[in-house]
C-alpha atoms as a PDB file:
ATOM      1  CA  MET A   1     197.143-135.221 142.989  1.00  0.00           C
ATOM      2  CA  GLU A   2     200.199-136.536 141.462  1.00  0.00           C
ATOM      3  CA  GLY A   3     199.952-133.509 138.914  1.00  0.00           C
ATOM      4  CA  LEU A   4     199.792-131.035 141.697  1.00  0.00           C
ATOM      5  CA  CYS A   5     202.917-132.685 143.495  1.00  0.00           C
ATOM      6  CA  TRP A   6     204.728-132.417 140.435  1.00  0.00           C
ATOM      7  CA  VAL A   7     204.134-128.925 139.225  1.00  0.00           C
ATOM      8  CA  LEU A   8     204.432-127.543 143.303  1.00  0.00           C
ATOM      9  CA  LYS A   9     207.988-129.620 143.632  1.00  0.00           C
ATOM     10  CA  TYR A  10     208.960-128.458 139.860  1.00  0.00           C
ATOM     11  CA  TYR A  11     208.399-124.840 141.167  1.00  0.00           C
ATOM     12  CA  TYR A  12     209.857-124.748 144.553  1.00  0.00           C
ATOM     13  CA  GLN A  13     212.535-127.735 144.811  1.00  0.00           C
ATOM     14  CA  GLY A  14     213.622-128.109 140.547  1.00  0.00           C
ATOM     15  CA  CYS A  15     212.574-131.142 138.198  1.00  0.00           C
ATOM     16  CA  GLN A  16     211.628-133.981 140.002  1.00  0.00           C
ATOM     17  CA  SER A  17     211.236-136.270 136.957  1.00  0.00           C
ATOM     18  CA  TRP A  18     212.120-135.711 133.314  1.00  0.00           C
ATOM     19  CA  ASN A  19     209.801-139.025 132.733  1.00  0.00           C
ATOM     20  CA  TRP A  20     206.386-137.850 134.549  1.00  0.00           C
ATOM     21  CA  TYR A  21     203.632-136.424 132.440  1.00  0.00           C
ATOM     22  CA  TYR A  22     199.619-135.682 132.799  1.00  0.00           C
ATOM     23  CA  PRO A  23     197.882-138.417 130.644  1.00  0.00           C
ATOM     24  CA  TYR A  24     194.565-136.845 131.193  1.00  0.00           C
ATOM     25  CA  HIS A  25     192.753-134.956 128.736  1.00  0.00           C
ATOM     26  CA  TYR A  26     191.000-132.492 131.780  1.00  0.00           C
ATOM     27  CA  SER A  27     192.262-131.580 134.932  1.00  0.00           C
ATOM     28  CA  PRO A  28     190.556-133.205 137.957  1.00  0.00           C
ATOM     29  CA  PHE A  29     187.438-131.377 140.117  1.00  0.00           C
ATOM     30  CA  ALA A  30     188.164-130.257 143.362  1.00  0.00           C
ATOM     31  CA  SER A  31     185.927-133.190 144.571  1.00  0.00           C
ATOM     32  CA  ASP A  32     188.585-135.683 143.205  1.00  0.00           C
ATOM     33  CA  PHE A  33     190.716-134.767 146.079  1.00  0.00           C
ATOM     34  CA  THR A  34     189.438-136.868 148.650  1.00  0.00           C
ATOM     35  CA  ASP A  35     191.406-139.369 151.400  1.00  0.00           C
ATOM     36  CA  ILE A  36     195.240-137.768 149.780  1.00  0.00           C
ATOM     37  CA  ALA A  37     196.219-137.359 153.576  1.00  0.00           C
ATOM     38  CA  ASN A  38     198.184-140.857 153.064  1.00  0.00           C
ATOM     39  CA  LEU A  39     199.179-140.749 149.386  1.00  0.00           C
ATOM     40  CA  ASN A  40     202.665-141.390 149.177  1.00  0.00           C
ATOM     41  CA  ILE A  41     203.850-139.892 145.312  1.00  0.00           C
ATOM     42  CA  LYS A  42     207.441-140.568 144.461  1.00  0.00           C
ATOM     43  CA  PHE A  43     208.739-139.856 140.892  1.00  0.00           C
ATOM     44  CA  GLU A  44     211.577-141.340 139.162  1.00  0.00           C
ATOM     45  CA  TYR A  45     213.729-138.962 137.926  1.00  0.00           C
ATOM     46  CA  GLY A  46     215.034-140.110 134.742  1.00  0.00           C
ATOM     47  CA  LYS A  47     218.050-137.833 132.781  1.00  0.00           C
ATOM     48  CA  PRO A  48     217.609-134.639 131.310  1.00  0.00           C
ATOM     49  CA  PHE A  49     216.652-133.990 127.680  1.00  0.00           C
ATOM     50  CA  LYS A  50     219.752-132.843 124.906  1.00  0.00           C
ATOM     51  CA  PRO A  51     218.823-129.071 123.174  1.00  0.00           C
ATOM     52  CA  ILE A  52     217.949-130.668 120.247  1.00  0.00           C
ATOM     53  CA  GLU A  53     215.455-133.197 121.848  1.00  0.00           C
ATOM     54  CA  GLN A  54     213.719-130.283 123.572  1.00  0.00           C
ATOM     55  CA  LEU A  55     213.427-128.198 119.884  1.00  0.00           C
ATOM     56  CA  MET A  56     212.298-131.181 118.790  1.00  0.00           C
ATOM     57  CA  ALA A  57     209.549-132.016 121.160  1.00  0.00           C
ATOM     58  CA  VAL A  58     207.687-128.669 121.089  1.00  0.00           C
ATOM     59  CA  LEU A  59     208.502-127.113 117.617  1.00  0.00           C
ATOM     60  CA  PRO A  60     205.759-127.832 114.882  1.00  0.00           C
ATOM     61  CA  ALA A  61     207.199-129.083 111.531  1.00  0.00           C
ATOM     62  CA  ALA A  62     206.509-125.480 109.775  1.00  0.00           C
ATOM     63  CA  SER A  63     209.430-124.378 112.068  1.00  0.00           C
ATOM     64  CA  ARG A  64     212.220-127.122 111.251  1.00  0.00           C
ATOM     65  CA  LYS A  65     214.423-124.488 110.224  1.00  0.00           C
ATOM     66  CA  HIS A  66     215.587-123.805 113.671  1.00  0.00           C
ATOM     67  CA  VAL A  67     216.841-127.201 114.052  1.00  0.00           C
ATOM     68  CA  PRO A  68     220.033-128.462 111.835  1.00  0.00           C
ATOM     69  CA  GLU A  69     218.966-129.746 108.404  1.00  0.00           C
ATOM     70  CA  CYS A  70     219.646-133.239 109.184  1.00  0.00           C
ATOM     71  CA  PHE A  71     217.000-132.957 112.013  1.00  0.00           C
ATOM     72  CA  GLY A  72     214.782-130.929 110.143  1.00  0.00           C
ATOM     73  CA  LYS A  73     214.176-133.797 107.806  1.00  0.00           C
ATOM     74  CA  LEU A  74     213.023-136.092 110.404  1.00  0.00           C
ATOM     75  CA  MET A  75     209.962-133.691 110.992  1.00  0.00           C
ATOM     76  CA  VAL A  76     208.457-134.135 107.341  1.00  0.00           C
ATOM     77  CA  ASP A  77     210.081-137.159 105.551  1.00  0.00           C
ATOM     78  CA  SER A  78     207.539-139.857 104.746  1.00  0.00           C
ATOM     79  CA  ASP A  79     209.946-142.701 105.796  1.00  0.00           C
ATOM     80  CA  SER A  80     210.630-140.658 109.179  1.00  0.00           C
ATOM     81  CA  GLU A  81     210.357-143.117 112.409  1.00  0.00           C
ATOM     82  CA  ILE A  82     209.251-140.072 114.349  1.00  0.00           C
ATOM     83  CA  LEU A  83     206.769-138.226 111.807  1.00  0.00           C
ATOM     84  CA  ASP A  84     203.832-138.986 113.629  1.00  0.00           C
ATOM     85  CA  PHE A  85     205.240-136.817 116.227  1.00  0.00           C
ATOM     86  CA  TYR A  86     204.119-133.858 113.919  1.00  0.00           C
ATOM     87  CA  PRO A  87     200.916-134.309 112.821  1.00  0.00           C
ATOM     88  CA  GLU A  88     199.112-131.520 110.823  1.00  0.00           C
ATOM     89  CA  SER A  89     196.223-130.714 112.704  1.00  0.00           C
ATOM     90  CA  PHE A  90     194.682-131.499 116.268  1.00  0.00           C
ATOM     91  CA  PRO A  91     191.059-132.075 116.967  1.00  0.00           C
ATOM     92  CA  LEU A  92     189.681-129.239 118.746  1.00  0.00           C
ATOM     93  CA  ASP A  93     187.368-130.076 121.780  1.00  0.00           C
ATOM     94  CA  LEU A  94     185.015-126.980 122.270  1.00  0.00           C
ATOM     95  CA  ASN A  95     183.231-129.300 125.037  1.00  0.00           C
ATOM     96  CA  GLY A  96     180.017-126.837 124.881  1.00  0.00           C
ATOM     97  CA  LYS A  97     182.143-123.335 124.354  1.00  0.00           C
ATOM     98  CA  LYS A  98     181.110-121.233 121.496  1.00  0.00           C
ATOM     99  CA  TYR A  99     184.630-120.178 120.241  1.00  0.00           C
ATOM    100  CA  ALA A 100     187.760-122.274 119.310  1.00  0.00           C
ATOM    101  CA  TRP A 101     189.877-119.891 121.322  1.00  0.00           C
ATOM    102  CA  GLN A 102     187.884-121.217 124.476  1.00  0.00           C
ATOM    103  CA  GLY A 103     188.160-125.112 123.402  1.00  0.00           C
ATOM    104  CA  SER A 104     190.721-127.352 124.319  1.00  0.00           C
ATOM    105  CA  LEU A 105     193.224-129.042 121.845  1.00  0.00           C
ATOM    106  CA  PHE A 106     192.418-133.005 121.735  1.00  0.00           C
ATOM    107  CA  ILE A 107     195.847-134.801 121.823  1.00  0.00           C
ATOM    108  CA  PHE A 108     194.680-138.006 123.224  1.00  0.00           C
ATOM    109  CA  THR A 109     196.076-139.289 119.872  1.00  0.00           C
ATOM    110  CA  ALA A 110     199.417-137.639 120.825  1.00  0.00           C
ATOM    111  CA  PHE A 111     199.456-139.554 124.016  1.00  0.00           C
ATOM    112  CA  HIS A 112     199.005-142.834 122.531  1.00  0.00           C
ATOM    113  CA  LEU A 113     201.457-142.320 120.078  1.00  0.00           C
ATOM    114  CA  PHE A 114     204.230-141.326 122.615  1.00  0.00           C
ATOM    115  CA  GLU A 115     203.002-144.319 124.890  1.00  0.00           C
ATOM    116  CA  LYS A 116     203.370-146.910 121.752  1.00  0.00           C
ATOM    117  CA  LYS A 117     206.443-145.449 121.224  1.00  0.00           C
ATOM    118  CA  ASN A 118     207.549-145.193 124.632  1.00  0.00           C
ATOM    119  CA  HIS A 119     209.017-141.520 124.405  1.00  0.00           C
ATOM    120  CA  PHE A 120     207.388-139.894 127.308  1.00  0.00           C
ATOM    121  CA  HIS A 121     210.197-137.354 127.811  1.00  0.00           C
ATOM    122  CA  LEU A 122     208.992-135.884 124.735  1.00  0.00           C
ATOM    123  CA  LEU A 123     205.265-136.216 125.547  1.00  0.00           C
ATOM    124  CA  LEU A 124     206.086-134.383 128.639  1.00  0.00           C
ATOM    125  CA  LEU A 125     207.633-131.521 126.980  1.00  0.00           C
ATOM    126  CA  VAL A 126     204.918-131.407 123.911  1.00  0.00           C
ATOM    127  CA  LEU A 127     202.339-131.463 126.561  1.00  0.00           C
ATOM    128  CA  LEU A 128     203.788-128.266 128.420  1.00  0.00           C
ATOM    129  CA  PHE A 129     204.331-126.662 125.392  1.00  0.00           C
ATOM    130  CA  PHE A 130     200.575-127.425 124.611  1.00  0.00           C
ATOM    131  CA  ILE A 131     199.740-126.127 128.112  1.00  0.00           C
ATOM    132  CA  LYS A 132     201.445-122.881 128.232  1.00  0.00           C
ATOM    133  CA  TRP A 133     201.036-121.852 124.453  1.00  0.00           C
ATOM    134  CA  GLU A 134     197.210-123.371 123.487  1.00  0.00           C
ATOM    135  CA  PHE A 135     195.884-119.702 122.724  1.00  0.00           C
ATOM    136  CA  LEU A 136     198.675-119.562 120.268  1.00  0.00           C
ATOM    137  CA  ILE A 137     197.682-122.796 118.548  1.00  0.00           C
ATOM    138  CA  PHE A 138     194.304-121.839 118.888  1.00  0.00           C
ATOM    139  CA  ILE A 139     194.863-118.889 116.437  1.00  0.00           C
ATOM    140  CA  PHE A 140     197.572-120.891 114.476  1.00  0.00           C
ATOM    141  CA  ILE A 141     195.165-123.574 113.724  1.00  0.00           C
ATOM    142  CA  ILE A 142     192.302-121.051 112.878  1.00  0.00           C
ATOM    143  CA  ILE A 143     194.730-119.137 110.704  1.00  0.00           C
ATOM    144  CA  SER A 144     196.216-122.314 109.081  1.00  0.00           C
ATOM    145  CA  GLY A 145     192.586-123.500 108.684  1.00  0.00           C
ATOM    146  CA  GLY A 146     193.007-126.668 110.899  1.00  0.00           C
ATOM    147  CA  LYS A 147     196.125-127.678 108.643  1.00  0.00           C
END
C-alpha cells in the first residue's frame, strides 16, 4: 500500500521522498489490500540527488562515456568502492513464462548491495530505471548474451 501511496503522491503532488523504494520483487495481489482504511503512511523527504548521482545510478558501466571520466572509472575499476553497483548481468526470473521478454529481472542482489551500503537514493533510481525500461534491458541482455 505504501508503494501505491508513493506513486499517487508523486504524480499528483510531487516527490514525497527521495529515500523511499519498493523493496519487493513482485507487485502485490489485489487481495493484499485489506484493512487499509486506517493506514497512516508518511514518508521521510530526504534530499534530492545531484545530476551526476542520477546518471551514475541509471547508466550501466558500458555507458560510462556519458559521465565525466573521473566518475566513469569508478564504474569499472576493480578497486572502486561502488563497483558492486554495476554488475555485468542480472538473473532473469521467467516465473513460468516462455520468452525472456516476458520475464522479470531479479534484482534482489542489487537491493542487498544498496541496503548494505546504505545508498537508498541510488537504489530508488535504479529500481525506477528497471521498471520503466525493463523491456529494453531484456533486449540488451539477449543481445549481449547475458553479460
